[in-house]
Amino acid sequence: MSEDRQQNTEAEARGIERAVPLTRGLSTKLLLLTILFVMAAEILIFIPSVANFSLQWMEQRLRTSAVVSTVLLSGDPDSLSREASNDILITTGVSAIAVRDGGTSRLLVVSWVPPSVDMHTDLDNIGPLEAVVQAFDTLFFGGERMLRIFGSVGESTNQYEIILPDQGLRSALLSYARNVAFLSLIISLFTATLVFYAINRIMIRPIRAMTRSMLAFGEAPDDPERIIVPEARDDEIGIAERELAEMQRTLYRTLGERKRLADLGLAVSKINHDMRNMLSSAQLISDRLVRSEDPTVQSLAPKLVRTLDRAVFYTQGVLAYGRAQEAPPQRRRLLLAQLVSEVQATLAIDPASRIEFVNEVDPLLEISADAEQLFRVLSNLCRNSVQAMTSETGAALVRRLTVSAHREGAKVHILVIDTGPGLPERARHNLFTAFRGSARSGGTGLGLAIAHELVRAHGGTLHLEESGSGHTVFRITIPDKAGRDRQVAKAGPRAQAAK
């Protein structure tokens, strides 16, 4: 009961982790980031627009005062009554209007002269940064200050000057800022909605589909119905979907192969015990044959004993492959030609097949390798060649299996060449993959897969060098191990012969 409860708790925890809350989802983050970025862009636009609005407001007041000044200058300013002056100032919103012509300055209209002026603004020479600072200073700290604004208007050579409180300018700036902020918010929401809809349809929805596919496939990777079906898109999302589908298909196939390997290991383990008993009986009989005085029996009995020993070892090797526990090679100096002769003896080639086995290895060529593992590699390759050539029925066909080798520095290259029909295209693409690299019907492909693994364990390579109708060549390259073997390899064939 406690284990079931713990499993239910773990399943619930995984479900909680897989269910992303709305507040942490990509859609919500995208929407908030879009609004934030649009508002940031609006702020960057708002700063110079406030300064420009402030300048326009002051220029408008100065132009109005310039028109009034022109009318007054065309008449007699001294004849203007007090009430008329106040009406003019109230209409323009200023406290005093003055005009400078050349070096002469005249005060045209004045209601009252303030004791001090807090800010002076020269509209002809004000810079952008100064305008921004002045506008925001008035916006945040104004309301009780006096402004002196002066500058030229139009093509007139006169310079006009007004004095007015900044309360009207601050009120106008506050109203403008409020309207711009409201408009910016509406633009941000509208833009964010459009961007969210577009990106959600183009990106978020496919990503969610891929996420759901990965989660569903992770729950049952042996179910091919849970492999994602990619959309016909040529962008990055389409590439990601196709790669995900290919990865899921590869994993599905790999899991199927692993399951077959596990089944194979289970089957071999069941028959291993009985096979060992039968092989033990055969070994007892072979031991009696060794005592025979018949020369033919004396020559064949050791080979029979070695074959029986290897049969037991192969059974254990298949189990080890199913468990992916191949033993590391125990490397020794070997005479390769003699090892190839043993492979030839265990093949038991039927004379009726007319297959010729040619051992072209130099009798003095030495190689640093594990004897049993290298025997398995050569035996698998040679047996495949013999089976391929046996399947052909032409009476005039040349059936020859040749094993040759040569040394290049610290490496030994072994060539296994046959005159068989060659490998089919399907087998070439999956040559060293168990259950998929078989070149004949009913084969498992384990032989080449095991051979490839054993050669790699020696630090070497096994690859198909050439395969066509009547000519197939496998090349095995095995480097010498470090230390004394490398020194012997550098000494050359004479040193090896002397040894």
Protein backbone atom coordinates (compact mmCIF):
# COMPACT_ATOMS: atom_id res chain seq x y z
CA MET A 1 0.00 0.00 0.00
CA SER A 2 2.79 2.41 0.83
CA GLU A 3 4.53 1.73 -2.51
CA ASP A 4 1.29 2.31 -4.45
CA ARG A 5 0.72 5.54 -2.57
CA GLN A 6 4.27 6.66 -3.30
CA GLN A 7 3.85 5.88 -7.02
CA ASN A 8 0.59 7.83 -7.11
CA THR A 9 2.30 10.75 -5.41
CA GLU A 10 5.14 10.68 -7.96
CA ALA A 11 2.65 10.50 -10.84
CA GLU A 12 0.72 13.47 -9.44
CA ALA A 13 3.99 15.40 -9.07
CA ARG A 14 4.89 14.69 -12.68
CA GLY A 15 1.42 15.80 -13.75
CA ILE A 16 1.82 19.05 -11.85
CA GLU A 17 5.18 19.67 -13.49
CA ARG A 18 3.77 19.00 -16.96
CA ALA A 19 0.74 21.27 -16.53
CA VAL A 20 2.07 24.81 -16.98
CA PRO A 21 -0.07 27.45 -15.23
CA LEU A 22 -1.48 30.25 -17.35
CA THR A 23 0.58 32.84 -15.47
CA ARG A 24 3.82 31.05 -16.42
CA GLY A 25 2.85 30.06 -19.95
CA LEU A 26 4.56 31.35 -23.07
CA SER A 27 1.37 33.11 -24.19
CA THR A 28 1.12 35.21 -21.04
CA LYS A 29 4.82 36.05 -21.11
CA LEU A 30 4.60 37.00 -24.78
CA LEU A 31 1.61 39.27 -24.16
CA LEU A 32 3.20 41.03 -21.19
CA LEU A 33 6.53 41.47 -22.96
CA THR A 34 4.83 42.91 -26.03
CA ILE A 35 2.91 45.44 -23.93
CA LEU A 36 6.08 46.32 -22.04
CA PHE A 37 8.14 46.81 -25.19
CA VAL A 38 5.49 48.91 -26.92
CA MET A 39 5.15 51.08 -23.82
CA ALA A 40 8.92 51.49 -23.72
CA ALA A 41 8.87 52.60 -27.36
CA GLU A 42 6.04 55.03 -26.57
CA ILE A 43 8.06 56.49 -23.70
CA LEU A 44 10.99 57.10 -26.04
CA ILE A 45 8.61 58.90 -28.38
CA PHE A 46 6.87 60.72 -25.52
CA ILE A 47 9.99 62.46 -24.19
CA PRO A 48 10.81 64.55 -27.30
CA SER A 49 7.11 65.07 -28.07
CA VAL A 50 6.57 66.76 -24.68
CA ALA A 51 9.51 69.09 -25.35
CA ASN A 52 8.17 69.88 -28.81
CA PHE A 53 4.69 70.57 -27.41
CA SER A 54 6.18 72.95 -24.83
CA LEU A 55 8.09 74.87 -27.52
CA GLN A 56 5.02 75.10 -29.73
CA TRP A 57 2.95 76.38 -26.83
CA MET A 58 5.48 79.13 -26.09
CA GLU A 59 5.90 80.02 -29.79
CA GLN A 60 2.14 80.35 -30.13
CA ARG A 61 2.01 82.79 -27.21
CA LEU A 62 4.94 84.74 -28.61
CA ARG A 63 3.30 84.97 -32.08
CA THR A 64 0.05 86.22 -30.59
CA SER A 65 1.93 88.85 -28.62
CA ALA A 66 3.84 89.82 -31.79
CA VAL A 67 0.57 90.47 -33.62
CA VAL A 68 -0.63 92.65 -30.74
CA SER A 69 2.73 94.45 -30.72
CA THR A 70 2.47 95.18 -34.45
CA VAL A 71 -0.99 96.72 -34.00
CA LEU A 72 0.18 98.85 -31.08
CA LEU A 73 3.29 100.02 -32.91
CA SER A 74 1.20 101.19 -35.85
CA GLY A 75 -0.78 103.48 -33.51
CA ASP A 76 0.02 105.40 -30.31
CA PRO A 77 0.68 102.99 -27.44
CA ASP A 78 0.51 105.82 -24.89
CA SER A 79 -3.11 106.51 -25.83
CA LEU A 80 -4.11 102.94 -24.81
CA SER A 81 -6.30 102.93 -21.70
CA ARG A 82 -5.68 100.84 -18.65
CA GLU A 83 -8.76 98.71 -19.27
CA ALA A 84 -7.77 98.05 -22.88
CA SER A 85 -4.26 97.01 -21.78
CA ASN A 86 -5.66 94.55 -19.28
CA ASP A 87 -8.00 93.10 -21.90
CA ILE A 88 -5.09 92.57 -24.27
CA LEU A 89 -2.97 90.89 -21.59
CA ILE A 90 -5.85 88.68 -20.45
CA THR A 91 -6.49 87.65 -24.06
CA THR A 92 -2.86 86.72 -24.69
CA GLY A 93 -2.33 85.28 -21.21
CA VAL A 94 0.82 87.28 -20.48
CA SER A 95 1.81 89.89 -17.87
CA ALA A 96 3.90 92.13 -20.09
CA ILE A 97 4.78 92.55 -23.78
CA ALA A 98 7.94 94.24 -25.02
CA VAL A 99 9.65 94.65 -28.37
CA ARG A 100 13.30 95.25 -29.20
CA ASP A 101 14.12 97.09 -32.42
CA GLY A 102 17.85 97.40 -32.97
CA GLY A 103 19.28 98.58 -29.70
CA THR A 104 16.01 100.10 -28.44
CA SER A 105 13.63 98.13 -26.18
CA ARG A 106 10.05 99.34 -25.64
CA LEU A 107 7.57 98.03 -23.08
CA LEU A 108 4.27 98.09 -24.95
CA VAL A 109 1.75 96.57 -22.53
CA VAL A 110 2.14 95.65 -18.86
CA SER A 111 -0.30 94.71 -16.15
CA TRP A 112 2.27 94.22 -13.45
CA VAL A 113 5.99 93.62 -13.31
CA PRO A 114 7.03 90.56 -11.27
CA PRO A 115 9.85 91.09 -8.78
CA SER A 116 11.89 88.25 -10.43
CA VAL A 117 11.80 85.90 -13.38
CA ASP A 118 12.45 82.21 -12.69
CA MET A 119 13.18 80.94 -16.20
CA HIS A 120 14.45 82.57 -19.37
CA THR A 121 13.80 80.93 -22.73
CA ASP A 122 15.42 82.05 -25.97
CA LEU A 123 13.32 80.35 -28.66
CA ASP A 124 15.87 81.19 -31.36
CA ASN A 125 18.79 79.39 -29.67
CA ILE A 126 17.30 76.67 -27.45
CA GLY A 127 18.71 73.15 -28.04
CA PRO A 128 16.85 69.79 -28.00
CA LEU A 129 18.32 68.62 -24.69
CA GLU A 130 17.68 71.97 -23.03
CA ALA A 131 14.10 71.93 -24.33
CA VAL A 132 13.51 68.44 -22.87
CA VAL A 133 14.95 69.41 -19.48
CA GLN A 134 12.93 72.64 -19.36
CA ALA A 135 9.68 70.93 -20.37
CA PHE A 136 9.92 68.17 -17.74
CA ASP A 137 11.07 70.65 -15.10
CA THR A 138 7.90 72.66 -15.73
CA LEU A 139 5.77 69.48 -15.85
CA PHE A 140 6.94 68.14 -12.48
CA PHE A 141 7.95 71.25 -10.51
CA GLY A 142 6.21 74.20 -12.22
CA GLY A 143 2.98 76.01 -11.47
CA GLU A 144 4.25 78.97 -9.43
CA ARG A 145 7.03 80.35 -11.59
CA MET A 146 7.40 83.30 -13.97
CA LEU A 147 8.66 82.73 -17.50
CA ARG A 148 10.45 85.16 -19.77
CA ILE A 149 10.11 84.10 -23.39
CA PHE A 150 11.80 86.00 -26.19
CA GLY A 151 12.73 85.53 -29.82
CA SER A 152 12.02 86.66 -33.36
CA VAL A 153 8.76 85.95 -35.18
CA GLY A 154 8.60 85.25 -38.91
CA GLU A 155 10.77 87.48 -41.10
CA SER A 156 10.53 90.45 -38.79
CA THR A 157 13.81 91.96 -37.64
CA ASN A 158 12.26 92.86 -34.30
CA GLN A 159 12.68 90.65 -31.27
CA TYR A 160 9.61 90.16 -29.12
CA GLU A 161 9.54 89.41 -25.44
CA ILE A 162 6.75 88.29 -23.08
CA ILE A 163 6.54 87.59 -19.38
CA LEU A 164 3.90 85.15 -18.14
CA PRO A 165 3.28 82.63 -15.33
CA ASP A 166 4.02 78.96 -16.13
CA GLN A 167 0.74 77.70 -14.68
CA GLY A 168 -0.93 77.66 -18.10
CA LEU A 169 2.02 75.83 -19.66
CA ARG A 170 2.05 73.21 -16.88
CA SER A 171 -1.70 72.62 -17.22
CA ALA A 172 -1.31 72.17 -20.97
CA LEU A 173 1.62 69.76 -20.46
CA LEU A 174 -0.34 67.69 -17.91
CA SER A 175 -3.31 67.44 -20.25
CA TYR A 176 -1.03 66.49 -23.16
CA ALA A 177 0.83 63.86 -21.11
CA ARG A 178 -2.45 62.32 -19.93
CA ASN A 179 -3.80 62.09 -23.47
CA VAL A 180 -0.54 60.62 -24.80
CA ALA A 181 -0.40 58.04 -21.98
CA PHE A 182 -3.99 56.96 -22.64
CA LEU A 183 -3.36 56.75 -26.38
CA SER A 184 -0.09 54.83 -25.80
CA LEU A 185 -1.88 52.29 -23.64
CA ILE A 186 -4.53 51.74 -26.30
CA ILE A 187 -1.84 51.37 -29.00
CA SER A 188 0.12 48.96 -26.78
CA LEU A 189 -2.89 46.75 -26.14
CA PHE A 190 -3.90 46.79 -29.81
CA THR A 191 -0.35 46.05 -30.99
CA ALA A 192 0.14 43.38 -28.33
CA THR A 193 -3.09 41.69 -29.36
CA LEU A 194 -2.07 41.59 -33.02
CA VAL A 195 1.47 40.42 -32.25
CA PHE A 196 0.19 37.86 -29.77
CA TYR A 197 -2.33 36.47 -32.24
CA ALA A 198 0.25 36.25 -35.02
CA ILE A 199 3.05 34.70 -32.93
CA ASN A 200 0.66 32.43 -31.07
CA ARG A 201 -0.60 31.04 -34.37
CA ILE A 202 2.82 30.84 -36.00
CA MET A 203 4.98 29.70 -33.06
CA ILE A 204 3.23 29.03 -29.76
CA ARG A 205 0.63 26.60 -31.06
CA PRO A 206 3.19 24.43 -32.93
CA ILE A 207 5.49 24.47 -29.89
CA ARG A 208 2.58 23.35 -27.71
CA ALA A 209 1.82 20.58 -30.19
CA MET A 210 5.46 19.43 -30.11
CA THR A 211 5.43 19.57 -26.30
CA ARG A 212 2.27 17.46 -26.13
CA SER A 213 3.76 15.02 -28.62
CA MET A 214 6.96 14.66 -26.61
CA LEU A 215 5.02 14.10 -23.38
CA ALA A 216 2.68 11.59 -25.01
CA PHE A 217 5.56 9.78 -26.72
CA GLY A 218 7.51 9.70 -23.45
CA GLU A 219 4.62 7.88 -21.77
CA ALA A 220 4.46 5.17 -24.46
CA PRO A 221 7.51 5.24 -26.78
CA ASP A 222 6.53 1.84 -28.21
CA ASP A 223 3.29 3.24 -29.67
CA PRO A 224 3.84 4.44 -33.26
CA GLU A 225 0.55 6.38 -33.17
CA ARG A 226 2.15 8.87 -30.78
CA ILE A 227 4.84 9.95 -33.25
CA ILE A 228 4.24 13.57 -34.23
CA VAL A 229 2.98 14.28 -37.75
CA PRO A 230 4.96 17.33 -38.98
CA GLU A 231 3.24 20.14 -40.84
CA ALA A 232 4.22 21.16 -44.35
CA ARG A 233 6.28 24.17 -43.28
CA ASP A 234 9.66 25.34 -44.58
CA ASP A 235 10.64 27.48 -41.58
CA GLU A 236 12.45 26.64 -38.33
CA ILE A 237 9.30 25.21 -36.72
CA GLY A 238 8.83 22.88 -39.68
CA ILE A 239 12.44 21.72 -39.44
CA ALA A 240 12.05 21.15 -35.68
CA GLU A 241 8.88 19.12 -36.21
CA ARG A 242 10.46 16.96 -38.90
CA GLU A 243 13.59 16.38 -36.79
CA LEU A 244 11.42 15.52 -33.77
CA ALA A 245 9.40 13.06 -35.86
CA GLU A 246 12.60 11.45 -37.17
CA MET A 247 14.06 11.25 -33.65
CA GLN A 248 10.86 9.62 -32.36
CA ARG A 249 10.84 7.13 -35.24
CA THR A 250 14.50 6.29 -34.60
CA LEU A 251 13.83 5.83 -30.90
CA TYR A 252 10.80 3.69 -31.68
CA ARG A 253 12.89 1.44 -33.95
CA THR A 254 15.74 1.32 -31.43
CA LEU A 255 13.40 0.30 -28.63
CA GLY A 256 11.98 -2.42 -30.87
CA GLU A 257 15.47 -3.70 -31.60
CA ARG A 258 16.38 -3.61 -27.90
CA LYS A 259 13.26 -5.57 -27.11
CA ARG A 260 14.19 -8.17 -29.69
CA LEU A 261 17.67 -8.32 -28.21
CA ALA A 262 16.18 -8.83 -24.77
CA ASP A 263 13.93 -11.58 -26.11
CA LEU A 264 16.92 -13.15 -27.82
CA GLY A 265 18.92 -13.07 -24.61
CA LEU A 266 16.04 -14.67 -22.74
CA ALA A 267 15.68 -17.39 -25.35
CA VAL A 268 19.39 -18.14 -25.44
CA SER A 269 19.58 -18.22 -21.66
CA LYS A 270 16.83 -20.86 -21.60
CA ILE A 271 18.62 -23.15 -24.05
CA ASN A 272 22.12 -22.39 -22.80
CA HIS A 273 21.96 -24.89 -19.96
CA ASP A 274 20.78 -27.78 -22.14
CA MET A 275 23.25 -26.91 -24.88
CA ARG A 276 26.11 -26.94 -22.40
CA ASN A 277 25.11 -30.45 -21.29
CA MET A 278 25.07 -31.64 -24.89
CA LEU A 279 28.40 -29.98 -25.65
CA SER A 280 29.88 -31.52 -22.50
CA SER A 281 28.90 -34.97 -23.75
CA ALA A 282 30.46 -34.15 -27.11
CA GLN A 283 33.65 -33.03 -25.35
CA LEU A 284 33.84 -36.35 -23.47
CA ILE A 285 33.56 -38.23 -26.74
CA SER A 286 36.20 -36.03 -28.35
CA ASP A 287 38.54 -36.69 -25.44
CA ARG A 288 38.25 -40.42 -26.20
CA LEU A 289 38.94 -39.74 -29.87
CA VAL A 290 42.20 -38.03 -28.90
CA ARG A 291 43.44 -41.39 -27.53
CA SER A 292 42.82 -43.07 -30.85
CA GLU A 293 45.91 -44.18 -32.79
CA ASP A 294 44.34 -43.46 -36.17
CA PRO A 295 46.39 -40.64 -37.80
CA THR A 296 43.29 -39.10 -39.38
CA VAL A 297 41.48 -39.04 -36.06
CA GLN A 298 44.60 -37.63 -34.37
CA SER A 299 44.67 -34.71 -36.86
CA LEU A 300 40.96 -33.95 -36.62
CA ALA A 301 40.38 -34.41 -32.88
CA PRO A 302 42.15 -31.17 -31.72
CA LYS A 303 40.14 -29.15 -34.21
CA LEU A 304 36.94 -30.79 -32.97
CA VAL A 305 37.83 -29.96 -29.36
CA ARG A 306 38.55 -26.34 -30.23
CA THR A 307 35.30 -26.11 -32.17
CA LEU A 308 33.28 -27.43 -29.24
CA ASP A 309 35.01 -25.01 -26.87
CA ARG A 310 34.21 -22.12 -29.17
CA ALA A 311 30.59 -23.24 -29.45
CA VAL A 312 30.21 -22.86 -25.68
CA PHE A 313 32.00 -19.52 -25.81
CA TYR A 314 29.75 -18.28 -28.65
CA THR A 315 26.66 -19.09 -26.66
CA GLN A 316 27.97 -16.97 -23.83
CA GLY A 317 28.93 -14.27 -26.34
CA VAL A 318 25.39 -13.96 -27.69
CA LEU A 319 24.13 -13.56 -24.13
CA ALA A 320 26.79 -10.93 -23.50
CA TYR A 321 25.77 -9.02 -26.64
CA GLY A 322 22.15 -9.03 -25.54
CA ARG A 323 23.25 -7.52 -22.25
CA ALA A 324 25.71 -5.11 -23.97
CA GLN A 325 28.51 -6.52 -21.79
CA GLU A 326 31.25 -7.51 -24.22
CA ALA A 327 34.48 -8.27 -22.36
CA PRO A 328 37.47 -6.01 -23.11
CA PRO A 329 40.04 -7.63 -25.41
CA GLN A 330 42.99 -9.47 -23.88
CA ARG A 331 45.58 -8.56 -26.49
CA ARG A 332 48.56 -10.78 -27.29
CA ARG A 333 51.02 -11.11 -30.18
CA LEU A 334 49.48 -13.55 -32.69
CA LEU A 335 50.53 -15.15 -35.96
CA LEU A 336 47.66 -13.99 -38.14
CA ALA A 337 48.14 -16.61 -40.86
CA GLN A 338 47.68 -19.45 -38.35
CA LEU A 339 44.52 -17.81 -36.97
CA VAL A 340 43.12 -17.54 -40.50
CA SER A 341 43.89 -21.25 -41.03
CA GLU A 342 41.85 -22.08 -37.92
CA VAL A 343 38.97 -20.02 -39.32
CA GLN A 344 39.22 -21.95 -42.58
CA ALA A 345 39.13 -25.27 -40.69
CA THR A 346 36.01 -24.35 -38.69
CA LEU A 347 34.09 -23.16 -41.77
CA ALA A 348 33.82 -26.76 -42.99
CA ILE A 349 33.29 -25.68 -46.58
CA ASP A 350 31.43 -28.33 -48.57
CA PRO A 351 33.64 -29.50 -51.45
CA ALA A 352 30.54 -29.73 -53.61
CA SER A 353 30.12 -25.95 -53.36
CA ARG A 354 33.45 -25.48 -55.22
CA ILE A 355 34.34 -22.57 -52.96
CA GLU A 356 38.10 -21.95 -52.82
CA PHE A 357 39.54 -20.52 -49.59
CA VAL A 358 42.83 -18.66 -50.15
CA ASN A 359 44.99 -17.67 -47.18
CA GLU A 360 47.38 -14.99 -48.50
CA VAL A 361 48.57 -13.78 -45.10
CA ASP A 362 52.34 -13.73 -44.60
CA PRO A 363 53.17 -16.60 -42.20
CA LEU A 364 55.50 -14.24 -40.27
CA LEU A 365 52.99 -11.34 -39.94
CA GLU A 366 52.17 -10.67 -36.30
CA ILE A 367 49.20 -8.77 -34.93
CA SER A 368 48.35 -7.49 -31.46
CA ALA A 369 44.81 -8.69 -30.73
CA ASP A 370 42.58 -10.90 -28.63
CA ALA A 371 42.77 -14.33 -30.28
CA GLU A 372 39.18 -15.39 -29.59
CA GLN A 373 37.65 -12.03 -30.50
CA LEU A 374 39.62 -11.67 -33.72
CA PHE A 375 38.70 -15.26 -34.57
CA ARG A 376 35.02 -14.35 -34.14
CA VAL A 377 35.42 -11.31 -36.38
CA LEU A 378 37.09 -13.24 -39.20
CA SER A 379 34.75 -16.19 -38.76
CA ASN A 380 31.65 -13.99 -39.08
CA LEU A 381 32.94 -12.23 -42.19
CA CYS A 382 34.13 -15.45 -43.87
CA ARG A 383 30.94 -17.34 -43.01
CA ASN A 384 28.84 -14.56 -44.54
CA SER A 385 30.93 -14.76 -47.73
CA VAL A 386 30.61 -18.55 -47.92
CA GLN A 387 26.84 -18.39 -47.43
CA ALA A 388 26.52 -15.67 -50.09
CA MET A 389 28.52 -17.66 -52.65
CA THR A 390 26.75 -20.94 -51.78
CA SER A 391 23.39 -19.36 -52.63
CA GLU A 392 24.46 -18.86 -56.28
CA THR A 393 23.65 -21.66 -58.72
CA GLY A 394 25.77 -20.87 -61.78
CA ALA A 395 28.05 -23.79 -62.63
CA ALA A 396 30.67 -21.58 -64.29
CA LEU A 397 30.89 -19.03 -61.51
CA VAL A 398 34.21 -18.56 -59.74
CA ARG A 399 33.73 -18.92 -55.99
CA ARG A 400 36.79 -17.72 -54.13
CA LEU A 401 37.26 -16.38 -50.61
CA THR A 402 40.59 -14.63 -50.03
CA VAL A 403 42.01 -13.34 -46.74
CA SER A 404 45.10 -11.14 -47.01
CA ALA A 405 46.86 -8.73 -44.68
CA HIS A 406 49.70 -6.22 -44.59
CA ARG A 407 51.25 -3.87 -42.09
CA GLU A 408 51.47 -0.08 -42.40
CA GLY A 409 53.48 1.33 -39.53
CA ALA A 410 51.71 0.52 -36.28
CA LYS A 411 48.55 -0.76 -38.00
CA VAL A 412 47.62 -4.08 -39.58
CA HIS A 413 45.12 -4.08 -42.44
CA ILE A 414 43.17 -7.29 -43.07
CA LEU A 415 41.19 -7.73 -46.28
CA VAL A 416 38.38 -10.28 -46.64
CA ILE A 417 37.56 -10.57 -50.36
CA ASP A 418 34.98 -12.79 -52.01
CA THR A 419 33.60 -13.21 -55.53
CA GLY A 420 30.00 -13.41 -54.37
CA PRO A 421 26.94 -11.49 -55.57
CA GLY A 422 27.63 -8.43 -53.39
CA LEU A 423 25.51 -6.82 -50.72
CA PRO A 424 22.03 -5.44 -51.45
CA GLU A 425 21.42 -1.71 -51.07
CA ARG A 426 19.31 -2.14 -47.93
CA ALA A 427 22.04 -4.09 -46.17
CA ARG A 428 24.68 -1.44 -46.97
CA HIS A 429 22.74 1.33 -45.22
CA ASN A 430 22.31 -0.75 -42.03
CA LEU A 431 25.43 -2.85 -42.34
CA PHE A 432 26.49 -2.99 -38.70
CA THR A 433 23.04 -2.68 -37.09
CA ALA A 434 21.70 -5.79 -35.40
CA PHE A 435 18.53 -7.25 -37.00
CA ARG A 436 18.69 -4.71 -39.84
CA GLY A 437 22.03 -5.34 -41.56
CA SER A 438 21.41 -8.89 -42.76
CA ALA A 439 22.16 -9.49 -46.44
CA ARG A 440 20.10 -12.69 -46.73
CA SER A 441 16.54 -13.61 -45.95
CA GLY A 442 16.06 -14.93 -42.45
CA GLY A 443 19.35 -13.51 -41.19
CA THR A 444 19.60 -11.45 -38.02
CA GLY A 445 22.59 -9.24 -38.87
CA LEU A 446 24.14 -10.09 -35.50
CA GLY A 447 27.37 -11.35 -37.06
CA LEU A 448 28.45 -8.03 -38.57
CA ALA A 449 27.18 -6.08 -35.55
CA ILE A 450 29.27 -8.25 -33.19
CA ALA A 451 32.31 -8.06 -35.48
CA HIS A 452 32.06 -4.27 -35.68
CA GLU A 453 31.83 -3.99 -31.90
CA LEU A 454 34.82 -6.29 -31.33
CA VAL A 455 37.01 -4.39 -33.80
CA ARG A 456 36.09 -1.07 -32.19
CA ALA A 457 37.04 -2.53 -28.80
CA HIS A 458 40.54 -3.01 -30.27
CA GLY A 459 40.63 0.66 -31.26
CA GLY A 460 40.31 -0.30 -34.93
CA THR A 461 37.81 0.05 -37.74
CA LEU A 462 35.71 -2.32 -39.83
CA HIS A 463 34.11 -1.02 -43.01
CA LEU A 464 32.86 -2.16 -46.37
CA GLU A 465 35.46 -0.99 -48.85
CA GLU A 466 33.77 -2.24 -52.02
CA SER A 467 30.72 -4.30 -52.94
CA GLY A 468 29.49 -5.12 -56.40
CA SER A 469 28.43 -8.05 -58.50
CA GLY A 470 31.31 -10.52 -58.22
CA HIS A 471 33.48 -8.53 -55.82
CA THR A 472 33.03 -7.66 -52.12
CA VAL A 473 35.85 -6.36 -49.90
CA PHE A 474 35.77 -5.82 -46.14
CA ARG A 475 38.73 -4.04 -44.55
CA ILE A 476 39.71 -4.54 -40.89
CA THR A 477 42.25 -2.11 -39.44
CA ILE A 478 43.68 -2.89 -36.03
CA PRO A 479 46.39 -0.69 -34.44
CA ASP A 480 49.07 -2.14 -32.21
CA LYS A 481 48.68 -1.56 -28.53
CA ALA A 482 51.04 0.84 -26.74
CA GLY A 483 54.45 -0.19 -25.51
CA ARG A 484 56.43 -3.11 -26.81
CA ASP A 485 54.09 -3.98 -29.66
CA ARG A 486 54.50 -0.50 -31.10
CA GLN A 487 58.28 -0.84 -30.94
CA VAL A 488 58.15 -4.19 -32.72
CA ALA A 489 55.92 -2.68 -35.41
CA LYS A 490 58.44 0.12 -35.98
CA ALA A 491 61.31 -2.38 -36.22
CA GLY A 492 59.80 -3.84 -39.39
CA PRO A 493 59.31 -7.37 -40.82
CA ARG A 494 62.90 -8.49 -40.20
CA ALA A 495 62.62 -7.86 -36.46
CA GLN A 496 59.31 -9.70 -36.43
CA ALA A 497 60.86 -12.63 -38.35
CA ALA A 498 63.78 -12.74 -35.92
CA LYS A 499 61.35 -12.83 -33.05
